[in-house]
Amino acid sequence: MAGNIFGNIFRLSTFGESHGEAVGGVVDGMLPGLPIDIDFIQKELNRRRPGQSRITTPRDEKDRVRLLSGVFEGRSTGTPIGFIVENENQHSADYDNIRKIYRPSHADYTYDAKYGLRDHRGGGRSSARETIARVVGGALAKIILNEYGIIVTAFTKQIGTIVLNTPYTSLDLSKTEDNIVRCPDAATAEKMIALIDEVRMAKDSIGGVITCVVRGVSAGLGDPCFDKLQATLAHAMLSINAVKGFEYGSGFSGSSMRGSAHNDIFYVDGDEVHTRTNFSGGIQGGISNGEDIYFNVAFKPTATILMEQPTINTDKEEVNTIVKGRHDPCVVPRAVPIVEAMAAMTIVDALLMQRSISGR
């Protein structure tokens, strides 16, 4: 099975299934001598873990990370950092009724078509539980970014039709963790939570949008032509479970503007080059220009809903099914740290690649 390694110099390799013994990974390319705060890594995992509020799955996993290598006396050695998170609260029997059934909009059929078999227990490798390893890798990437003054912050912008239209530059992003939906505007957060509660009670699900902002990135990261920075970010985001769309800067709204309004005009402040607007989203020609990098990531409604649906089984017979188990009515709140993690690893990889060229 290919596709389990992310990155070039900063590389994350992951393993594990939803209902297996554990999930984990190996991070290579970690700079040596950096303080490794295990409490910080665990805090990042706690933001992703299930059972943290009424609007998430009630699966009770503590998701305790254990570092196996690459750290000595609290500092990174520069060698691969291996880690593991054991699965503790699997209810595999909840999936016995779908052993031979393809759930609508899941990876059941496609995994069967590709590999000739599938792990029906929670989707196996296709489960979002795989993203645990991404969050650990992202936490380690954030430790590197901190040395360069780079900060990655994501928040919930939209749940269903409830949209936070305030520009991120006018928001206090430090308030993102003040509520269970991870929206930095309290009034909008209340509406989002009410909507998720509504669909949860109806045994349905709903999607949304996460905005991510990366501040402090210097000009020069990214490579033409096939490895443009926005392309590597898109790759990272579209690899996350349930993601259906990615846009950066002005995104799709930019297509309705005229060039005279959309162009970002340069100016000099002291010795620093800036732009008066930032429709480019901090990236021009695939290379960072020193402004904030910002982008939106769209998530579909959770495919698992607790109502009867028509489908087919492995014998290609039409059947009806009701999925059991414990599932998120909306994946967006728990996906916020995952988006941050993938962005952090992407930026660190670009940073280390640029450093290998420039020596800085």
Protein backbone atom coordinates (compact mmCIF):
# COMPACT_ATOMS: atom_id res chain seq x y z
CA MET A 1 0.00 0.00 0.00
CA ALA A 2 1.59 3.22 -1.19
CA GLY A 3 0.72 6.76 -0.12
CA ASN A 4 1.73 6.65 3.54
CA ILE A 5 4.62 9.14 3.42
CA PHE A 6 4.26 12.93 3.34
CA GLY A 7 7.02 15.46 2.69
CA ASN A 8 10.50 15.66 1.17
CA ILE A 9 13.05 16.72 3.82
CA PHE A 10 10.62 16.85 6.75
CA ARG A 11 8.92 13.51 6.20
CA LEU A 12 6.10 11.81 8.05
CA SER A 13 5.46 8.09 7.55
CA THR A 14 2.31 6.74 9.22
CA PHE A 15 0.81 3.36 10.06
CA GLY A 16 -2.21 1.83 11.79
CA GLU A 17 -5.94 1.24 11.48
CA SER A 18 -9.00 2.51 13.31
CA HIS A 19 -9.64 -0.76 15.15
CA GLY A 20 -6.10 -2.15 15.18
CA GLU A 21 -3.71 -2.17 18.11
CA ALA A 22 -2.38 1.33 17.56
CA VAL A 23 -1.65 4.14 15.13
CA GLY A 24 1.70 5.84 14.88
CA GLY A 25 4.45 7.11 12.68
CA VAL A 26 8.02 8.18 12.12
CA VAL A 27 9.15 11.78 11.55
CA ASP A 28 12.45 12.20 9.72
CA GLY A 29 14.15 15.52 9.10
CA MET A 30 13.61 16.97 12.58
CA LEU A 31 16.27 19.57 13.32
CA PRO A 32 18.60 18.53 16.17
CA GLY A 33 18.87 20.25 19.53
CA LEU A 34 15.31 21.57 19.75
CA PRO A 35 13.40 21.23 23.04
CA ILE A 36 10.68 18.61 22.61
CA ASP A 37 7.74 19.48 24.83
CA ILE A 38 5.72 16.27 25.16
CA ASP A 39 2.95 18.20 26.94
CA PHE A 40 2.59 20.46 23.90
CA ILE A 41 2.34 17.46 21.56
CA GLN A 42 -0.28 15.89 23.83
CA LYS A 43 -2.23 19.16 23.97
CA GLU A 44 -2.39 19.22 20.16
CA LEU A 45 -3.68 15.63 20.18
CA ASN A 46 -6.27 16.51 22.80
CA ARG A 47 -7.70 19.10 20.40
CA ARG A 48 -8.26 16.33 17.85
CA ARG A 49 -9.32 13.48 20.10
CA PRO A 50 -12.90 12.13 20.19
CA GLY A 51 -15.28 12.56 23.09
CA GLN A 52 -14.33 16.18 23.83
CA SER A 53 -17.85 17.63 23.56
CA ARG A 54 -21.47 16.78 22.77
CA ILE A 55 -21.01 17.73 19.10
CA THR A 56 -18.27 15.13 18.53
CA THR A 57 -18.24 11.34 18.55
CA PRO A 58 -18.58 9.90 22.07
CA ARG A 59 -15.80 7.36 21.41
CA ASP A 60 -13.66 7.61 24.57
CA GLU A 61 -10.02 7.62 23.48
CA LYS A 62 -7.38 9.42 25.52
CA ASP A 63 -4.95 9.33 22.57
CA ARG A 64 -1.84 9.33 24.74
CA VAL A 65 1.28 9.66 22.62
CA ARG A 66 4.49 7.81 23.43
CA LEU A 67 7.76 8.87 21.78
CA LEU A 68 9.98 5.89 20.96
CA SER A 69 13.14 7.47 19.54
CA GLY A 70 14.85 10.63 18.38
CA VAL A 71 14.72 12.49 21.71
CA PHE A 72 17.44 12.55 24.37
CA GLU A 73 17.29 14.53 27.61
CA GLY A 74 14.32 16.49 26.29
CA ARG A 75 15.88 17.55 22.98
CA SER A 76 15.67 16.28 19.43
CA THR A 77 18.74 14.34 18.33
CA GLY A 78 18.20 14.81 14.60
CA THR A 79 17.48 11.09 14.16
CA PRO A 80 14.01 9.76 13.28
CA ILE A 81 11.35 10.37 15.93
CA GLY A 82 9.16 7.31 16.23
CA PHE A 83 5.87 7.52 18.12
CA ILE A 84 2.82 5.43 18.90
CA VAL A 85 -0.73 6.03 20.14
CA GLU A 86 -2.57 2.92 21.30
CA ASN A 87 -6.24 2.35 20.50
CA GLU A 88 -8.13 1.78 23.75
CA ASN A 89 -11.87 2.06 23.10
CA GLN A 90 -12.74 0.13 19.95
CA HIS A 91 -16.26 -1.29 19.59
CA SER A 92 -15.55 -3.49 16.57
CA ALA A 93 -18.79 -5.45 17.03
CA ASP A 94 -20.70 -2.29 16.05
CA TYR A 95 -19.59 -2.97 12.48
CA ASP A 96 -20.53 -6.66 12.17
CA ASN A 97 -23.74 -5.79 10.34
CA ILE A 98 -21.82 -4.07 7.50
CA ARG A 99 -19.18 -6.75 6.96
CA LYS A 100 -20.60 -7.36 3.47
CA ILE A 101 -22.22 -3.98 2.88
CA TYR A 102 -20.83 -0.93 1.12
CA ARG A 103 -21.76 2.18 3.08
CA PRO A 104 -22.81 5.16 0.91
CA SER A 105 -20.00 7.69 0.27
CA HIS A 106 -17.43 5.65 2.23
CA ALA A 107 -14.24 4.01 1.00
CA ASP A 108 -15.70 0.50 1.44
CA TYR A 109 -16.27 -0.22 -2.24
CA THR A 110 -13.16 1.54 -3.55
CA TYR A 111 -10.83 -0.23 -1.07
CA ASP A 112 -12.41 -3.54 -2.09
CA ALA A 113 -11.96 -2.67 -5.76
CA LYS A 114 -8.30 -1.71 -5.25
CA TYR A 115 -7.05 -4.33 -2.76
CA GLY A 116 -9.58 -7.15 -3.07
CA LEU A 117 -10.42 -6.86 0.63
CA ARG A 118 -11.21 -4.24 3.26
CA ASP A 119 -11.26 -3.79 7.00
CA HIS A 120 -14.94 -3.19 7.69
CA ARG A 121 -14.25 -2.16 11.31
CA GLY A 122 -14.58 1.59 11.10
CA GLY A 123 -12.99 1.74 7.68
CA GLY A 124 -9.55 0.54 8.77
CA ARG A 125 -6.87 2.64 7.13
CA SER A 126 -9.46 4.96 5.54
CA SER A 127 -10.70 6.02 8.99
CA ALA A 128 -10.00 9.56 10.17
CA ARG A 129 -8.24 7.98 13.15
CA GLU A 130 -5.22 7.86 10.84
CA THR A 131 -4.96 11.64 11.29
CA ILE A 132 -3.60 11.15 14.82
CA ALA A 133 -0.15 10.66 13.27
CA ARG A 134 -0.56 13.85 11.25
CA VAL A 135 -1.25 15.88 14.37
CA VAL A 136 1.86 14.52 16.09
CA GLY A 137 3.92 15.30 12.99
CA GLY A 138 2.36 18.75 12.86
CA ALA A 139 3.20 19.41 16.51
CA LEU A 140 6.85 18.60 15.82
CA ALA A 141 6.74 20.85 12.75
CA LYS A 142 5.32 23.67 14.89
CA ILE A 143 8.32 23.31 17.22
CA ILE A 144 10.59 24.06 14.25
CA LEU A 145 8.37 26.90 13.00
CA ASN A 146 8.49 28.49 16.43
CA GLU A 147 12.25 28.91 15.99
CA TYR A 148 11.54 31.00 12.89
CA GLY A 149 8.67 33.03 14.36
CA ILE A 150 6.08 31.35 12.12
CA ILE A 151 2.59 30.80 13.56
CA VAL A 152 -0.11 28.54 12.08
CA THR A 153 -3.70 29.16 13.21
CA ALA A 154 -6.91 27.61 11.90
CA PHE A 155 -10.55 28.19 12.87
CA THR A 156 -14.07 27.22 11.88
CA LYS A 157 -15.41 29.68 9.32
CA GLN A 158 -18.61 27.91 8.30
CA ILE A 159 -20.98 25.15 9.43
CA GLY A 160 -23.70 24.42 6.88
CA THR A 161 -25.28 27.77 6.01
CA ILE A 162 -23.90 29.55 9.10
CA VAL A 163 -20.93 31.61 7.89
CA LEU A 164 -18.47 33.85 9.72
CA ASN A 165 -18.01 36.59 7.12
CA THR A 166 -15.65 38.77 9.17
CA PRO A 167 -12.15 38.91 7.60
CA TYR A 168 -9.59 37.01 9.67
CA THR A 169 -7.60 40.23 10.04
CA SER A 170 -10.45 41.67 12.12
CA LEU A 171 -10.82 38.60 14.37
CA ASP A 172 -9.09 37.73 17.63
CA LEU A 173 -7.90 34.26 16.69
CA SER A 174 -6.78 33.62 20.27
CA LYS A 175 -10.49 33.07 21.04
CA THR A 176 -10.74 30.07 18.69
CA GLU A 177 -10.45 27.56 21.52
CA ASP A 178 -13.00 29.38 23.70
CA ASN A 179 -15.90 27.25 22.39
CA ILE A 180 -16.48 23.67 21.27
CA VAL A 181 -16.95 24.50 17.59
CA ARG A 182 -13.63 26.44 17.41
CA CYS A 183 -15.05 29.63 15.93
CA PRO A 184 -13.39 32.85 17.22
CA ASP A 185 -16.68 34.80 17.11
CA ALA A 186 -18.87 33.83 20.09
CA ALA A 187 -22.22 34.81 18.56
CA THR A 188 -21.56 32.89 15.34
CA ALA A 189 -20.25 29.94 17.34
CA GLU A 190 -23.56 29.65 19.21
CA LYS A 191 -25.46 29.43 15.92
CA MET A 192 -23.03 26.82 14.58
CA ILE A 193 -23.35 24.68 17.70
CA ALA A 194 -27.16 24.89 17.55
CA LEU A 195 -27.12 23.72 13.93
CA ILE A 196 -24.84 20.76 14.71
CA ASP A 197 -27.12 19.84 17.62
CA GLU A 198 -30.11 19.99 15.28
CA VAL A 199 -28.60 17.61 12.71
CA ARG A 200 -27.27 15.34 15.47
CA MET A 201 -30.75 14.94 16.93
CA ALA A 202 -32.07 14.21 13.44
CA LYS A 203 -29.42 11.43 13.10
CA ASP A 204 -27.96 13.34 10.17
CA SER A 205 -24.67 15.19 9.52
CA ILE A 206 -23.39 18.47 8.13
CA GLY A 207 -20.21 19.93 6.66
CA GLY A 208 -18.38 23.22 6.81
CA VAL A 209 -15.27 25.26 6.07
CA ILE A 210 -12.03 25.83 7.99
CA THR A 211 -9.84 28.89 7.42
CA CYS A 212 -6.11 28.61 8.09
CA VAL A 213 -3.69 31.54 8.46
CA VAL A 214 0.11 31.24 8.41
CA ARG A 215 1.94 34.31 9.69
CA GLY A 216 5.65 35.10 9.70
CA VAL A 217 6.66 33.23 6.53
CA SER A 218 9.51 35.02 4.75
CA ALA A 219 9.56 35.54 1.00
CA GLY A 220 11.07 32.78 -1.11
CA LEU A 221 9.45 29.49 -0.04
CA GLY A 222 8.05 27.20 -2.70
CA ASP A 223 9.26 25.94 -6.05
CA PRO A 224 8.08 26.26 -9.66
CA CYS A 225 6.57 24.70 -11.63
CA PHE A 226 4.88 21.57 -10.29
CA ASP A 227 5.79 22.21 -6.65
CA LYS A 228 4.28 25.66 -6.20
CA LEU A 229 3.63 26.40 -2.52
CA GLN A 230 -0.12 26.60 -3.05
CA ALA A 231 0.00 23.25 -4.87
CA THR A 232 1.79 21.53 -1.99
CA LEU A 233 -0.67 23.08 0.46
CA ALA A 234 -3.57 21.89 -1.68
CA HIS A 235 -2.06 18.40 -1.77
CA ALA A 236 -1.75 18.43 2.01
CA MET A 237 -5.31 19.62 2.60
CA LEU A 238 -6.98 17.40 0.01
CA SER A 239 -5.31 14.38 1.60
CA ILE A 240 -7.36 14.93 4.79
CA ASN A 241 -10.44 12.75 5.18
CA ALA A 242 -13.73 14.40 4.10
CA VAL A 243 -12.08 17.40 2.39
CA LYS A 244 -13.86 18.42 -0.82
CA GLY A 245 -12.30 21.75 -1.70
CA PHE A 246 -9.34 24.11 -1.30
CA GLU A 247 -8.90 27.77 -2.18
CA TYR A 248 -6.21 30.27 -1.21
CA GLY A 249 -6.15 34.06 -1.25
CA SER A 250 -9.15 35.45 -3.12
CA GLY A 251 -9.96 31.92 -4.27
CA PHE A 252 -13.04 31.47 -6.43
CA SER A 253 -14.29 34.97 -5.64
CA GLY A 254 -11.24 36.37 -7.45
CA SER A 255 -12.60 35.05 -10.75
CA SER A 256 -15.31 37.71 -10.73
CA MET A 257 -12.90 40.62 -10.14
CA ARG A 258 -11.02 42.81 -12.61
CA GLY A 259 -7.24 42.78 -12.65
CA SER A 260 -7.10 46.45 -11.71
CA ALA A 261 -8.89 45.63 -8.44
CA HIS A 262 -7.28 42.24 -7.83
CA ASN A 263 -3.61 43.14 -8.31
CA ASP A 264 -1.64 43.46 -5.05
CA ILE A 265 0.36 46.69 -5.23
CA PHE A 266 3.89 46.59 -3.78
CA TYR A 267 5.31 49.19 -1.40
CA VAL A 268 8.42 49.43 0.78
CA ASP A 269 8.34 49.95 4.54
CA GLY A 270 11.90 50.56 5.71
CA ASP A 271 13.79 47.68 4.13
CA GLU A 272 10.76 45.40 3.91
CA VAL A 273 8.65 44.77 0.80
CA HIS A 274 4.89 44.49 1.37
CA THR A 275 1.67 44.56 -0.63
CA ARG A 276 -1.22 46.93 0.09
CA THR A 277 -3.77 44.15 -0.39
CA ASN A 278 -3.34 40.39 -0.19
CA PHE A 279 -5.61 38.79 -2.76
CA SER A 280 -2.62 36.60 -3.63
CA GLY A 281 -2.87 34.90 -0.25
CA GLY A 282 0.83 35.40 0.45
CA ILE A 283 1.91 33.41 -2.63
CA GLN A 284 2.86 34.68 -6.10
CA GLY A 285 4.25 32.48 -8.84
CA GLY A 286 4.09 29.58 -6.43
CA ILE A 287 6.54 31.29 -4.04
CA SER A 288 5.78 33.02 -0.72
CA ASN A 289 5.99 36.82 -0.85
CA GLY A 290 6.20 37.52 2.89
CA GLU A 291 2.54 38.37 3.46
CA ASP A 292 0.13 36.19 5.44
CA ILE A 293 -0.67 32.89 3.76
CA TYR A 294 -4.36 32.14 4.13
CA PHE A 295 -6.67 29.53 2.65
CA ASN A 296 -10.03 27.80 3.08
CA VAL A 297 -10.65 24.06 3.30
CA ALA A 298 -14.15 22.68 2.65
CA PHE A 299 -15.36 19.53 4.44
CA LYS A 300 -18.30 17.40 3.33
CA PRO A 301 -21.02 16.20 5.72
CA THR A 302 -19.88 13.12 7.63
CA ALA A 303 -20.67 10.10 5.45
CA THR A 304 -21.79 8.00 8.42
CA ILE A 305 -25.35 8.92 9.42
CA LEU A 306 -27.54 6.97 11.81
CA MET A 307 -30.57 6.59 9.55
CA GLU A 308 -31.54 3.84 7.12
CA GLN A 309 -30.14 4.22 3.60
CA PRO A 310 -30.29 2.14 0.42
CA THR A 311 -27.00 0.65 -0.84
CA ILE A 312 -25.55 -2.58 -2.22
CA ASN A 313 -23.64 -5.48 -0.69
CA THR A 314 -20.55 -7.38 -1.82
CA ASP A 315 -22.79 -9.64 -3.96
CA LYS A 316 -24.02 -6.51 -5.78
CA GLU A 317 -27.51 -6.91 -4.36
CA GLU A 318 -29.59 -3.88 -3.41
CA VAL A 319 -30.12 -3.70 0.36
CA ASN A 320 -30.93 -1.21 3.08
CA THR A 321 -28.55 -0.52 5.95
CA ILE A 322 -28.41 1.34 9.23
CA VAL A 323 -24.90 2.10 10.43
CA LYS A 324 -24.23 1.60 14.14
CA GLY A 325 -21.38 2.99 16.23
CA ARG A 326 -20.23 6.38 17.49
CA HIS A 327 -19.69 9.08 14.90
CA ASP A 328 -19.25 12.84 14.51
CA PRO A 329 -22.33 14.72 13.26
CA CYS A 330 -19.80 17.25 11.92
CA VAL A 331 -16.07 16.64 11.50
CA VAL A 332 -15.11 20.31 11.25
CA PRO A 333 -14.40 21.18 14.92
CA ARG A 334 -12.02 18.23 15.35
CA ALA A 335 -10.43 18.87 11.94
CA VAL A 336 -9.12 22.32 12.92
CA PRO A 337 -5.89 20.94 14.48
CA ILE A 338 -5.50 18.53 11.56
CA VAL A 339 -5.55 21.41 9.06
CA GLU A 340 -2.99 23.24 11.20
CA ALA A 341 -0.80 20.13 11.34
CA MET A 342 -0.77 19.59 7.58
CA ALA A 343 -0.07 23.29 6.98
CA ALA A 344 2.77 23.27 9.52
CA MET A 345 4.44 20.23 7.93
CA THR A 346 4.07 21.74 4.45
CA ILE A 347 5.65 25.04 5.48
CA VAL A 348 8.47 23.33 7.42
CA ASP A 349 9.28 21.14 4.44
CA ALA A 350 9.41 24.19 2.15
CA LEU A 351 11.51 26.03 4.72
CA LEU A 352 14.06 23.22 5.00
CA MET A 353 14.20 22.85 1.21
CA GLN A 354 14.90 26.57 0.85
CA ARG A 355 17.51 26.37 3.61
CA SER A 356 19.26 23.57 1.75
CA ILE A 357 19.51 25.88 -1.27
CA SER A 358 20.41 29.16 0.44
CA GLY A 359 22.27 27.78 3.47
CA ARG A 360 20.12 29.97 5.76
